[in-house]
Amino acid sequence: YDVKHNKEFQSEFPAWFVDMERKNLCEILTDLIQHITKANSIFPIGEIEINLRREFQDRAIADCYNIYQELQYIIAVFKIDINKLIPIIESVEKELALLKGWRKSNKKKKKDIA
């Protein structure tokens, strides 16, 4: 949308479709934040807590892959130049690496407790 000139986005796609894709991506991002928050709120003192924390970490990692899938769909359908989305893709890659590292440290705590 061109906010400066009060012009609407002109597209071959109906507005409802663009809004639906935006909503889908926002829902995945919301899920990602919720799963990270839930995993972080669990202090791993026993096997039950470690497993529950790991489950939320796994869900957060899955959310990152869902973001990739949604972005690939958006690129294909809307024919967006992939270079415009590189900063977003790099952010998702960074988040994915951090989540996997966090999950790995969780695995070490499980060994320590056992």
PDB file of N, CA and C in Angstrom:
ATOM      1  N   TYR A   1       0.831  -1.177   0.000  1.00  0.00           N
ATOM      2  CA  TYR A   1       0.000   0.000   0.000  1.00  0.00           C
ATOM      3  C   TYR A   1       0.881   1.248   0.000  1.00  0.00           C
ATOM      4  N   ASP A   2       0.463   2.238  -0.731  1.00  0.00           N
ATOM      5  CA  ASP A   2       1.214   3.484  -0.808  1.00  0.00           C
ATOM      6  C   ASP A   2       0.575   4.460   0.175  1.00  0.00           C
ATOM      7  N   VAL A   3       1.099   4.486   1.379  1.00  0.00           N
ATOM      8  CA  VAL A   3       0.515   5.298   2.444  1.00  0.00           C
ATOM      9  C   VAL A   3       0.693   6.784   2.173  1.00  0.00           C
ATOM     10  N   LYS A   4       1.834   7.180   1.608  1.00  0.00           N
ATOM     11  CA  LYS A   4       2.113   8.602   1.384  1.00  0.00           C
ATOM     12  C   LYS A   4       1.077   9.267   0.484  1.00  0.00           C
ATOM     13  N   HIS A   5       0.659   8.572  -0.541  1.00  0.00           N
ATOM     14  CA  HIS A   5      -0.220   9.185  -1.532  1.00  0.00           C
ATOM     15  C   HIS A   5      -1.652   8.676  -1.455  1.00  0.00           C
ATOM     16  N   ASN A   6      -1.978   7.960  -0.383  1.00  0.00           N
ATOM     17  CA  ASN A   6      -3.322   7.415  -0.196  1.00  0.00           C
ATOM     18  C   ASN A   6      -3.806   6.610  -1.395  1.00  0.00           C
ATOM     19  N   LYS A   7      -2.901   5.871  -1.972  1.00  0.00           N
ATOM     20  CA  LYS A   7      -3.274   5.006  -3.087  1.00  0.00           C
ATOM     21  C   LYS A   7      -3.352   3.574  -2.599  1.00  0.00           C
ATOM     22  N   GLU A   8      -4.285   2.839  -3.132  1.00  0.00           N
ATOM     23  CA  GLU A   8      -4.401   1.438  -2.763  1.00  0.00           C
ATOM     24  C   GLU A   8      -3.495   0.602  -3.651  1.00  0.00           C
ATOM     25  N   PHE A   9      -3.101  -0.531  -3.105  1.00  0.00           N
ATOM     26  CA  PHE A   9      -2.265  -1.484  -3.816  1.00  0.00           C
ATOM     27  C   PHE A   9      -3.047  -2.029  -5.011  1.00  0.00           C
ATOM     28  N   GLN A  10      -2.496  -1.875  -6.184  1.00  0.00           N
ATOM     29  CA  GLN A  10      -3.143  -2.393  -7.385  1.00  0.00           C
ATOM     30  C   GLN A  10      -2.534  -3.749  -7.712  1.00  0.00           C
ATOM     31  N   SER A  11      -3.374  -4.728  -7.843  1.00  0.00           N
ATOM     32  CA  SER A  11      -2.878  -6.069  -8.061  1.00  0.00           C
ATOM     33  C   SER A  11      -3.869  -6.863  -8.876  1.00  0.00           C
ATOM     34  N   GLU A  12      -3.347  -7.931  -9.473  1.00  0.00           N
ATOM     35  CA  GLU A  12      -4.229  -8.846 -10.179  1.00  0.00           C
ATOM     36  C   GLU A  12      -4.926  -9.775  -9.193  1.00  0.00           C
ATOM     37  N   PHE A  13      -4.546  -9.684  -7.918  1.00  0.00           N
ATOM     38  CA  PHE A  13      -5.127 -10.519  -6.885  1.00  0.00           C
ATOM     39  C   PHE A  13      -6.162  -9.722  -6.112  1.00  0.00           C
ATOM     40  N   PRO A  14      -7.261 -10.362  -5.743  1.00  0.00           N
ATOM     41  CA  PRO A  14      -8.272  -9.637  -4.963  1.00  0.00           C
ATOM     42  C   PRO A  14      -7.750  -9.313  -3.567  1.00  0.00           C
ATOM     43  N   ALA A  15      -8.279  -8.255  -3.011  1.00  0.00           N
ATOM     44  CA  ALA A  15      -7.827  -7.790  -1.694  1.00  0.00           C
ATOM     45  C   ALA A  15      -8.011  -8.855  -0.628  1.00  0.00           C
ATOM     46  N   TRP A  16      -9.077  -9.640  -0.715  1.00  0.00           N
ATOM     47  CA  TRP A  16      -9.315 -10.683   0.285  1.00  0.00           C
ATOM     48  C   TRP A  16      -8.200 -11.721   0.277  1.00  0.00           C
ATOM     49  N   PHE A  17      -7.642 -11.998  -0.907  1.00  0.00           N
ATOM     50  CA  PHE A  17      -6.574 -12.993  -1.009  1.00  0.00           C
ATOM     51  C   PHE A  17      -5.284 -12.468  -0.388  1.00  0.00           C
ATOM     52  N   VAL A  18      -4.970 -11.223  -0.657  1.00  0.00           N
ATOM     53  CA  VAL A  18      -3.783 -10.597  -0.070  1.00  0.00           C
ATOM     54  C   VAL A  18      -3.939 -10.555   1.448  1.00  0.00           C
ATOM     55  N   ASP A  19      -5.120 -10.177   1.930  1.00  0.00           N
ATOM     56  CA  ASP A  19      -5.375 -10.121   3.370  1.00  0.00           C
ATOM     57  C   ASP A  19      -5.294 -11.505   4.008  1.00  0.00           C
ATOM     58  N   MET A  20      -5.791 -12.515   3.292  1.00  0.00           N
ATOM     59  CA  MET A  20      -5.746 -13.883   3.809  1.00  0.00           C
ATOM     60  C   MET A  20      -4.298 -14.353   3.979  1.00  0.00           C
ATOM     61  N   GLU A  21      -3.460 -14.067   2.999  1.00  0.00           N
ATOM     62  CA  GLU A  21      -2.056 -14.470   3.081  1.00  0.00           C
ATOM     63  C   GLU A  21      -1.340 -13.724   4.207  1.00  0.00           C
ATOM     64  N   ARG A  22      -1.654 -12.462   4.359  1.00  0.00           N
ATOM     65  CA  ARG A  22      -1.081 -11.675   5.459  1.00  0.00           C
ATOM     66  C   ARG A  22      -1.508 -12.273   6.797  1.00  0.00           C
ATOM     67  N   LYS A  23      -2.776 -12.620   6.898  1.00  0.00           N
ATOM     68  CA  LYS A  23      -3.302 -13.205   8.136  1.00  0.00           C
ATOM     69  C   LYS A  23      -2.639 -14.549   8.427  1.00  0.00           C
ATOM     70  N   ASN A  24      -2.465 -15.382   7.397  1.00  0.00           N
ATOM     71  CA  ASN A  24      -1.814 -16.685   7.577  1.00  0.00           C
ATOM     72  C   ASN A  24      -0.402 -16.516   8.138  1.00  0.00           C
ATOM     73  N   LEU A  25       0.345 -15.602   7.577  1.00  0.00           N
ATOM     74  CA  LEU A  25       1.714 -15.370   8.031  1.00  0.00           C
ATOM     75  C   LEU A  25       1.725 -14.828   9.464  1.00  0.00           C
ATOM     76  N   CYS A  26       0.823 -13.924   9.771  1.00  0.00           N
ATOM     77  CA  CYS A  26       0.737 -13.376  11.127  1.00  0.00           C
ATOM     78  C   CYS A  26       0.366 -14.453  12.148  1.00  0.00           C
ATOM     79  N   GLU A  27      -0.494 -15.385  11.770  1.00  0.00           N
ATOM     80  CA  GLU A  27      -0.869 -16.469  12.675  1.00  0.00           C
ATOM     81  C   GLU A  27       0.321 -17.377  12.968  1.00  0.00           C
ATOM     82  N   ILE A  28       1.111 -17.670  11.955  1.00  0.00           N
ATOM     83  CA  ILE A  28       2.300 -18.500  12.160  1.00  0.00           C
ATOM     84  C   ILE A  28       3.284 -17.777  13.082  1.00  0.00           C
ATOM     85  N   LEU A  29       3.465 -16.483  12.867  1.00  0.00           N
ATOM     86  CA  LEU A  29       4.373 -15.705  13.719  1.00  0.00           C
ATOM     87  C   LEU A  29       3.867 -15.659  15.163  1.00  0.00           C
ATOM     88  N   THR A  30       2.567 -15.541  15.341  1.00  0.00           N
ATOM     89  CA  THR A  30       1.973 -15.553  16.679  1.00  0.00           C
ATOM     90  C   THR A  30       2.221 -16.897  17.353  1.00  0.00           C
ATOM     91  N   ASP A  31       2.023 -17.984  16.598  1.00  0.00           N
ATOM     92  CA  ASP A  31       2.289 -19.318  17.145  1.00  0.00           C
ATOM     93  C   ASP A  31       3.750 -19.461  17.552  1.00  0.00           C
ATOM     94  N   LEU A  32       4.650 -18.949  16.728  1.00  0.00           N
ATOM     95  CA  LEU A  32       6.081 -19.020  17.032  1.00  0.00           C
ATOM     96  C   LEU A  32       6.384 -18.326  18.365  1.00  0.00           C
ATOM     97  N   ILE A  33       5.875 -17.136  18.533  1.00  0.00           N
ATOM     98  CA  ILE A  33       6.101 -16.391  19.776  1.00  0.00           C
ATOM     99  C   ILE A  33       5.519 -17.133  20.972  1.00  0.00           C
ATOM    100  N   GLN A  34       4.317 -17.670  20.814  1.00  0.00           N
ATOM    101  CA  GLN A  34       3.687 -18.396  21.916  1.00  0.00           C
ATOM    102  C   GLN A  34       4.471 -19.647  22.290  1.00  0.00           C
ATOM    103  N   HIS A  35       4.947 -20.394  21.304  1.00  0.00           N
ATOM    104  CA  HIS A  35       5.694 -21.610  21.601  1.00  0.00           C
ATOM    105  C   HIS A  35       7.032 -21.307  22.271  1.00  0.00           C
ATOM    106  N   ILE A  36       7.694 -20.259  21.830  1.00  0.00           N
ATOM    107  CA  ILE A  36       8.959 -19.868  22.472  1.00  0.00           C
ATOM    108  C   ILE A  36       8.698 -19.431  23.913  1.00  0.00           C
ATOM    109  N   THR A  37       7.660 -18.638  24.117  1.00  0.00           N
ATOM    110  CA  THR A  37       7.330 -18.154  25.455  1.00  0.00           C
ATOM    111  C   THR A  37       6.974 -19.310  26.385  1.00  0.00           C
ATOM    112  N   LYS A  38       6.174 -20.248  25.896  1.00  0.00           N
ATOM    113  CA  LYS A  38       5.791 -21.398  26.721  1.00  0.00           C
ATOM    114  C   LYS A  38       7.011 -22.251  27.068  1.00  0.00           C
ATOM    115  N   ALA A  39       7.868 -22.512  26.089  1.00  0.00           N
ATOM    116  CA  ALA A  39       9.063 -23.306  26.352  1.00  0.00           C
ATOM    117  C   ALA A  39       9.968 -22.606  27.356  1.00  0.00           C
ATOM    118  N   ASN A  40      10.091 -21.310  27.226  1.00  0.00           N
ATOM    119  CA  ASN A  40      10.962 -20.538  28.112  1.00  0.00           C
ATOM    120  C   ASN A  40      10.400 -20.445  29.533  1.00  0.00           C
ATOM    121  N   SER A  41       9.090 -20.582  29.669  1.00  0.00           N
ATOM    122  CA  SER A  41       8.476 -20.463  30.992  1.00  0.00           C
ATOM    123  C   SER A  41       8.611 -21.742  31.818  1.00  0.00           C
ATOM    124  N   ILE A  42       9.050 -22.823  31.197  1.00  0.00           N
ATOM    125  CA  ILE A  42       9.189 -24.102  31.896  1.00  0.00           C
ATOM    126  C   ILE A  42      10.634 -24.273  32.349  1.00  0.00           C
ATOM    127  N   PHE A  43      10.819 -24.354  33.665  1.00  0.00           N
ATOM    128  CA  PHE A  43      12.170 -24.565  34.200  1.00  0.00           C
ATOM    129  C   PHE A  43      12.412 -26.072  34.260  1.00  0.00           C
ATOM    130  N   PRO A  44      13.454 -26.541  33.592  1.00  0.00           N
ATOM    131  CA  PRO A  44      13.683 -27.994  33.505  1.00  0.00           C
ATOM    132  C   PRO A  44      14.288 -28.576  34.787  1.00  0.00           C
ATOM    133  N   ILE A  45      13.428 -29.046  35.676  1.00  0.00           N
ATOM    134  CA  ILE A  45      13.923 -29.643  36.923  1.00  0.00           C
ATOM    135  C   ILE A  45      13.774 -31.162  36.922  1.00  0.00           C
ATOM    136  N   GLY A  46      12.964 -31.675  36.048  1.00  0.00           N
ATOM    137  CA  GLY A  46      12.756 -33.123  35.955  1.00  0.00           C
ATOM    138  C   GLY A  46      12.469 -33.523  34.532  1.00  0.00           C
ATOM    139  N   GLU A  47      12.332 -34.805  34.325  1.00  0.00           N
ATOM    140  CA  GLU A  47      12.134 -35.312  32.962  1.00  0.00           C
ATOM    141  C   GLU A  47      10.827 -34.821  32.339  1.00  0.00           C
ATOM    142  N   ILE A  48       9.793 -34.716  33.148  1.00  0.00           N
ATOM    143  CA  ILE A  48       8.500 -34.252  32.624  1.00  0.00           C
ATOM    144  C   ILE A  48       8.623 -32.829  32.090  1.00  0.00           C
ATOM    145  N   GLU A  49       9.250 -31.960  32.871  1.00  0.00           N
ATOM    146  CA  GLU A  49       9.414 -30.564  32.447  1.00  0.00           C
ATOM    147  C   GLU A  49      10.317 -30.467  31.221  1.00  0.00           C
ATOM    148  N   ILE A  50      11.373 -31.262  31.208  1.00  0.00           N
ATOM    149  CA  ILE A  50      12.292 -31.243  30.062  1.00  0.00           C
ATOM    150  C   ILE A  50      11.571 -31.669  28.793  1.00  0.00           C
ATOM    151  N   ASN A  51      10.771 -32.731  28.894  1.00  0.00           N
ATOM    152  CA  ASN A  51      10.042 -33.216  27.715  1.00  0.00           C
ATOM    153  C   ASN A  51       9.001 -32.206  27.239  1.00  0.00           C
ATOM    154  N   LEU A  52       8.320 -31.563  28.188  1.00  0.00           N
ATOM    155  CA  LEU A  52       7.323 -30.554  27.814  1.00  0.00           C
ATOM    156  C   LEU A  52       8.001 -29.350  27.168  1.00  0.00           C
ATOM    157  N   ARG A  53       9.112 -28.932  27.750  1.00  0.00           N
ATOM    158  CA  ARG A  53       9.863 -27.816  27.181  1.00  0.00           C
ATOM    159  C   ARG A  53      10.334 -28.162  25.772  1.00  0.00           C
ATOM    160  N   ARG A  54      10.829 -29.375  25.601  1.00  0.00           N
ATOM    161  CA  ARG A  54      11.304 -29.832  24.294  1.00  0.00           C
ATOM    162  C   ARG A  54      10.161 -29.824  23.270  1.00  0.00           C
ATOM    163  N   GLU A  55       8.977 -30.217  23.705  1.00  0.00           N
ATOM    164  CA  GLU A  55       7.824 -30.221  22.799  1.00  0.00           C
ATOM    165  C   GLU A  55       7.534 -28.818  22.267  1.00  0.00           C
ATOM    166  N   PHE A  56       7.567 -27.830  23.150  1.00  0.00           N
ATOM    167  CA  PHE A  56       7.322 -26.449  22.707  1.00  0.00           C
ATOM    168  C   PHE A  56       8.470 -25.933  21.836  1.00  0.00           C
ATOM    169  N   GLN A  57       9.697 -26.348  22.138  1.00  0.00           N
ATOM    170  CA  GLN A  57      10.827 -25.977  21.284  1.00  0.00           C
ATOM    171  C   GLN A  57      10.655 -26.581  19.891  1.00  0.00           C
ATOM    172  N   ASP A  58      10.233 -27.835  19.833  1.00  0.00           N
ATOM    173  CA  ASP A  58       9.995 -28.487  18.545  1.00  0.00           C
ATOM    174  C   ASP A  58       8.899 -27.776  17.759  1.00  0.00           C
ATOM    175  N   ARG A  59       7.868 -27.357  18.457  1.00  0.00           N
ATOM    176  CA  ARG A  59       6.777 -26.630  17.787  1.00  0.00           C
ATOM    177  C   ARG A  59       7.273 -25.289  17.238  1.00  0.00           C
ATOM    178  N   ALA A  60       8.127 -24.617  17.994  1.00  0.00           N
ATOM    179  CA  ALA A  60       8.683 -23.340  17.526  1.00  0.00           C
ATOM    180  C   ALA A  60       9.542 -23.555  16.285  1.00  0.00           C
ATOM    181  N   ILE A  61      10.321 -24.623  16.277  1.00  0.00           N
ATOM    182  CA  ILE A  61      11.133 -24.947  15.094  1.00  0.00           C
ATOM    183  C   ILE A  61      10.226 -25.255  13.908  1.00  0.00           C
ATOM    184  N   ALA A  62       9.166 -25.995  14.153  1.00  0.00           N
ATOM    185  CA  ALA A  62       8.206 -26.287  13.080  1.00  0.00           C
ATOM    186  C   ALA A  62       7.565 -25.002  12.555  1.00  0.00           C
ATOM    187  N   ASP A  63       7.315 -24.051  13.441  1.00  0.00           N
ATOM    188  CA  ASP A  63       6.760 -22.757  13.015  1.00  0.00           C
ATOM    189  C   ASP A  63       7.710 -22.051  12.054  1.00  0.00           C
ATOM    190  N   CYS A  64       9.007 -22.134  12.321  1.00  0.00           N
ATOM    191  CA  CYS A  64       9.986 -21.512  11.411  1.00  0.00           C
ATOM    192  C   CYS A  64       9.898 -22.136  10.024  1.00  0.00           C
ATOM    193  N   TYR A  65       9.777 -23.455   9.979  1.00  0.00           N
ATOM    194  CA  TYR A  65       9.647 -24.120   8.682  1.00  0.00           C
ATOM    195  C   TYR A  65       8.324 -23.756   8.002  1.00  0.00           C
ATOM    196  N   ASN A  66       7.280 -23.552   8.802  1.00  0.00           N
ATOM    197  CA  ASN A  66       6.001 -23.099   8.241  1.00  0.00           C
ATOM    198  C   ASN A  66       6.130 -21.701   7.641  1.00  0.00           C
ATOM    199  N   ILE A  67       6.933 -20.860   8.273  1.00  0.00           N
ATOM    200  CA  ILE A  67       7.176 -19.517   7.727  1.00  0.00           C
ATOM    201  C   ILE A  67       7.870 -19.635   6.376  1.00  0.00           C
ATOM    202  N   TYR A  68       8.884 -20.511   6.300  1.00  0.00           N
ATOM    203  CA  TYR A  68       9.555 -20.753   5.009  1.00  0.00           C
ATOM    204  C   TYR A  68       8.551 -21.163   3.943  1.00  0.00           C
ATOM    205  N   GLN A  69       7.689 -22.116   4.282  1.00  0.00           N
ATOM    206  CA  GLN A  69       6.704 -22.610   3.320  1.00  0.00           C
ATOM    207  C   GLN A  69       5.762 -21.500   2.862  1.00  0.00           C
ATOM    208  N   GLU A  70       5.309 -20.703   3.816  1.00  0.00           N
ATOM    209  CA  GLU A  70       4.389 -19.614   3.478  1.00  0.00           C
ATOM    210  C   GLU A  70       5.080 -18.581   2.587  1.00  0.00           C
ATOM    211  N   LEU A  71       6.331 -18.269   2.903  1.00  0.00           N
ATOM    212  CA  LEU A  71       7.076 -17.313   2.073  1.00  0.00           C
ATOM    213  C   LEU A  71       7.295 -17.865   0.664  1.00  0.00           C
ATOM    214  N   GLN A  72       7.587 -19.154   0.555  1.00  0.00           N
ATOM    215  CA  GLN A  72       7.756 -19.753  -0.773  1.00  0.00           C
ATOM    216  C   GLN A  72       6.463 -19.676  -1.569  1.00  0.00           C
ATOM    217  N   TYR A  73       5.347 -19.917  -0.902  1.00  0.00           N
ATOM    218  CA  TYR A  73       4.052 -19.819  -1.572  1.00  0.00           C
ATOM    219  C   TYR A  73       3.788 -18.386  -2.031  1.00  0.00           C
ATOM    220  N   ILE A  74       4.065 -17.432  -1.154  1.00  0.00           N
ATOM    221  CA  ILE A  74       3.854 -16.021  -1.490  1.00  0.00           C
ATOM    222  C   ILE A  74       4.734 -15.615  -2.670  1.00  0.00           C
ATOM    223  N   ILE A  75       5.986 -16.050  -2.665  1.00  0.00           N
ATOM    224  CA  ILE A  75       6.903 -15.738  -3.767  1.00  0.00           C
ATOM    225  C   ILE A  75       6.378 -16.315  -5.079  1.00  0.00           C
ATOM    226  N   ALA A  76       5.906 -17.548  -5.028  1.00  0.00           N
ATOM    227  CA  ALA A  76       5.419 -18.208  -6.243  1.00  0.00           C
ATOM    228  C   ALA A  76       4.138 -17.578  -6.766  1.00  0.00           C
ATOM    229  N   VAL A  77       3.196 -17.324  -5.871  1.00  0.00           N
ATOM    230  CA  VAL A  77       1.884 -16.821  -6.302  1.00  0.00           C
ATOM    231  C   VAL A  77       1.943 -15.357  -6.713  1.00  0.00           C
ATOM    232  N   PHE A  78       2.578 -14.540  -5.875  1.00  0.00           N
ATOM    233  CA  PHE A  78       2.604 -13.102  -6.136  1.00  0.00           C
ATOM    234  C   PHE A  78       3.765 -12.681  -7.033  1.00  0.00           C
ATOM    235  N   LYS A  79       4.623 -13.657  -7.376  1.00  0.00           N
ATOM    236  CA  LYS A  79       5.782 -13.392  -8.242  1.00  0.00           C
ATOM    237  C   LYS A  79       6.631 -12.238  -7.696  1.00  0.00           C
ATOM    238  N   ILE A  80       6.959 -12.348  -6.419  1.00  0.00           N
ATOM    239  CA  ILE A  80       7.761 -11.340  -5.737  1.00  0.00           C
ATOM    240  C   ILE A  80       9.232 -11.636  -5.993  1.00  0.00           C
ATOM    241  N   ASP A  81      10.016 -10.601  -6.136  1.00  0.00           N
ATOM    242  CA  ASP A  81      11.464 -10.747  -6.265  1.00  0.00           C
ATOM    243  C   ASP A  81      12.001 -11.279  -4.944  1.00  0.00           C
ATOM    244  N   ILE A  82      12.639 -12.428  -4.990  1.00  0.00           N
ATOM    245  CA  ILE A  82      13.124 -13.081  -3.773  1.00  0.00           C
ATOM    246  C   ILE A  82      14.123 -12.207  -3.014  1.00  0.00           C
ATOM    247  N   ASN A  83      14.833 -11.345  -3.713  1.00  0.00           N
ATOM    248  CA  ASN A  83      15.812 -10.465  -3.059  1.00  0.00           C
ATOM    249  C   ASN A  83      15.159  -9.529  -2.050  1.00  0.00           C
ATOM    250  N   LYS A  84      13.885  -9.198  -2.264  1.00  0.00           N
ATOM    251  CA  LYS A  84      13.182  -8.323  -1.324  1.00  0.00           C
ATOM    252  C   LYS A  84      12.890  -9.030  -0.007  1.00  0.00           C
ATOM    253  N   LEU A  85      12.836 -10.366  -0.056  1.00  0.00           N
ATOM    254  CA  LEU A  85      12.510 -11.122   1.149  1.00  0.00           C
ATOM    255  C   LEU A  85      13.748 -11.704   1.846  1.00  0.00           C
ATOM    256  N   ILE A  86      14.918 -11.477   1.288  1.00  0.00           N
ATOM    257  CA  ILE A  86      16.143 -12.035   1.870  1.00  0.00           C
ATOM    258  C   ILE A  86      16.330 -11.618   3.334  1.00  0.00           C
ATOM    259  N   PRO A  87      16.098 -10.356   3.719  1.00  0.00           N
ATOM    260  CA  PRO A  87      16.248 -10.014   5.152  1.00  0.00           C
ATOM    261  C   PRO A  87      15.310 -10.831   6.059  1.00  0.00           C
ATOM    262  N   ILE A  88      14.119 -11.089   5.585  1.00  0.00           N
ATOM    263  CA  ILE A  88      13.164 -11.880   6.371  1.00  0.00           C
ATOM    264  C   ILE A  88      13.638 -13.324   6.459  1.00  0.00           C
ATOM    265  N   ILE A  89      14.072 -13.875   5.336  1.00  0.00           N
ATOM    266  CA  ILE A  89      14.558 -15.255   5.307  1.00  0.00           C
ATOM    267  C   ILE A  89      15.777 -15.410   6.211  1.00  0.00           C
ATOM    268  N   GLU A  90      16.673 -14.435   6.186  1.00  0.00           N
ATOM    269  CA  GLU A  90      17.850 -14.475   7.064  1.00  0.00           C
ATOM    270  C   GLU A  90      17.444 -14.413   8.536  1.00  0.00           C
ATOM    271  N   SER A  91      16.433 -13.649   8.858  1.00  0.00           N
ATOM    272  CA  SER A  91      15.948 -13.574  10.241  1.00  0.00           C
ATOM    273  C   SER A  91      15.375 -14.919  10.693  1.00  0.00           C
ATOM    274  N   VAL A  92      14.643 -15.559   9.805  1.00  0.00           N
ATOM    275  CA  VAL A  92      14.071 -16.870  10.131  1.00  0.00           C
ATOM    276  C   VAL A  92      15.194 -17.889  10.303  1.00  0.00           C
ATOM    277  N   GLU A  93      16.212 -17.845   9.433  1.00  0.00           N
ATOM    278  CA  GLU A  93      17.348 -18.760   9.556  1.00  0.00           C
ATOM    279  C   GLU A  93      18.072 -18.566  10.885  1.00  0.00           C
ATOM    280  N   LYS A  94      18.248 -17.323  11.292  1.00  0.00           N
ATOM    281  CA  LYS A  94      18.907 -17.023  12.566  1.00  0.00           C
ATOM    282  C   LYS A  94      18.081 -17.560  13.724  1.00  0.00           C
ATOM    283  N   GLU A  95      16.776 -17.320  13.688  1.00  0.00           N
ATOM    284  CA  GLU A  95      15.886 -17.804  14.741  1.00  0.00           C
ATOM    285  C   GLU A  95      15.915 -19.326  14.808  1.00  0.00           C
ATOM    286  N   LEU A  96      15.917 -19.969  13.660  1.00  0.00           N
ATOM    287  CA  LEU A  96      15.962 -21.424  13.592  1.00  0.00           C
ATOM    288  C   LEU A  96      17.252 -21.959  14.218  1.00  0.00           C
ATOM    289  N   ALA A  97      18.367 -21.337  13.910  1.00  0.00           N
ATOM    290  CA  ALA A  97      19.657 -21.754  14.482  1.00  0.00           C
ATOM    291  C   ALA A  97      19.659 -21.568  16.001  1.00  0.00           C
ATOM    292  N   LEU A  98      19.120 -20.457  16.468  1.00  0.00           N
ATOM    293  CA  LEU A  98      19.053 -20.210  17.913  1.00  0.00           C
ATOM    294  C   LEU A  98      18.163 -21.234  18.613  1.00  0.00           C
ATOM    295  N   LEU A  99      17.026 -21.544  18.001  1.00  0.00           N
ATOM    296  CA  LEU A  99      16.114 -22.524  18.596  1.00  0.00           C
ATOM    297  C   LEU A  99      16.748 -23.911  18.659  1.00  0.00           C
ATOM    298  N   LYS A 100      17.441 -24.289  17.591  1.00  0.00           N
ATOM    299  CA  LYS A 100      18.086 -25.608  17.574  1.00  0.00           C
ATOM    300  C   LYS A 100      19.205 -25.675  18.611  1.00  0.00           C
ATOM    301  N   GLY A 101      19.948 -24.587  18.780  1.00  0.00           N
ATOM    302  CA  GLY A 101      20.983 -24.541  19.807  1.00  0.00           C
ATOM    303  C   GLY A 101      20.389 -24.631  21.198  1.00  0.00           C
ATOM    304  N   TRP A 102      19.286 -23.946  21.414  1.00  0.00           N
ATOM    305  CA  TRP A 102      18.590 -23.974  22.698  1.00  0.00           C
ATOM    306  C   TRP A 102      18.087 -25.385  22.991  1.00  0.00           C
ATOM    307  N   ARG A 103      17.522 -26.022  21.979  1.00  0.00           N
ATOM    308  CA  ARG A 103      17.017 -27.391  22.142  1.00  0.00           C
ATOM    309  C   ARG A 103      18.168 -28.353  22.478  1.00  0.00           C
ATOM    310  N   LYS A 104      19.309 -28.121  21.839  1.00  0.00           N
ATOM    311  CA  LYS A 104      20.485 -28.961  22.098  1.00  0.00           C
ATOM    312  C   LYS A 104      20.943 -28.819  23.553  1.00  0.00           C
ATOM    313  N   SER A 105      20.935 -27.592  24.072  1.00  0.00           N
ATOM    314  CA  SER A 105      21.326 -27.377  25.473  1.00  0.00           C
ATOM    315  C   SER A 105      20.320 -28.034  26.411  1.00  0.00           C
ATOM    316  N   ASN A 106      19.072 -28.081  25.986  1.00  0.00           N
ATOM    317  CA  ASN A 106      18.032 -28.751  26.766  1.00  0.00           C
ATOM    318  C   ASN A 106      18.333 -30.250  26.852  1.00  0.00           C
ATOM    319  N   LYS A 107      18.835 -30.800  25.758  1.00  0.00           N
ATOM    320  CA  LYS A 107      19.195 -32.216  25.703  1.00  0.00           C
ATOM    321  C   LYS A 107      20.314 -32.518  26.703  1.00  0.00           C
ATOM    322  N   LYS A 108      21.256 -31.590  26.823  1.00  0.00           N
ATOM    323  CA  LYS A 108      22.372 -31.747  27.763  1.00  0.00           C
ATOM    324  C   LYS A 108      21.846 -31.731  29.197  1.00  0.00           C
ATOM    325  N   LYS A 109      20.894 -30.858  29.491  1.00  0.00           N
ATOM    326  CA  LYS A 109      20.308 -30.808  30.833  1.00  0.00           C
ATOM    327  C   LYS A 109      19.605 -32.107  31.174  1.00  0.00           C
ATOM    328  N   LYS A 110      18.998 -32.719  30.175  1.00  0.00           N
ATOM    329  CA  LYS A 110      18.308 -33.988  30.391  1.00  0.00           C
ATOM    330  C   LYS A 110      19.312 -35.055  30.814  1.00  0.00           C
ATOM    331  N   LYS A 111      20.481 -35.077  30.187  1.00  0.00           N
ATOM    332  CA  LYS A 111      21.520 -36.033  30.552  1.00  0.00           C
ATOM    333  C   LYS A 111      22.017 -35.759  31.971  1.00  0.00           C
ATOM    334  N   ASP A 112      22.180 -34.477  32.309  1.00  0.00           N
ATOM    335  CA  ASP A 112      22.657 -34.108  33.646  1.00  0.00           C
ATOM    336  C   ASP A 112      21.674 -34.538  34.739  1.00  0.00           C
ATOM    337  N   ILE A 113      20.396 -34.392  34.471  1.00  0.00           N
ATOM    338  CA  ILE A 113      19.375 -34.753  35.447  1.00  0.00           C
ATOM    339  C   ILE A 113      19.286 -36.276  35.588  1.00  0.00           C
ATOM    340  N   ALA A 114      19.408 -36.964  34.457  1.00  0.00           N
ATOM    341  CA  ALA A 114      19.345 -38.442  34.479  1.00  0.00           C
ATOM    342  C   ALA A 114      20.570 -38.981  35.185  1.00  0.00           C
TER     343      ALA A 114
END
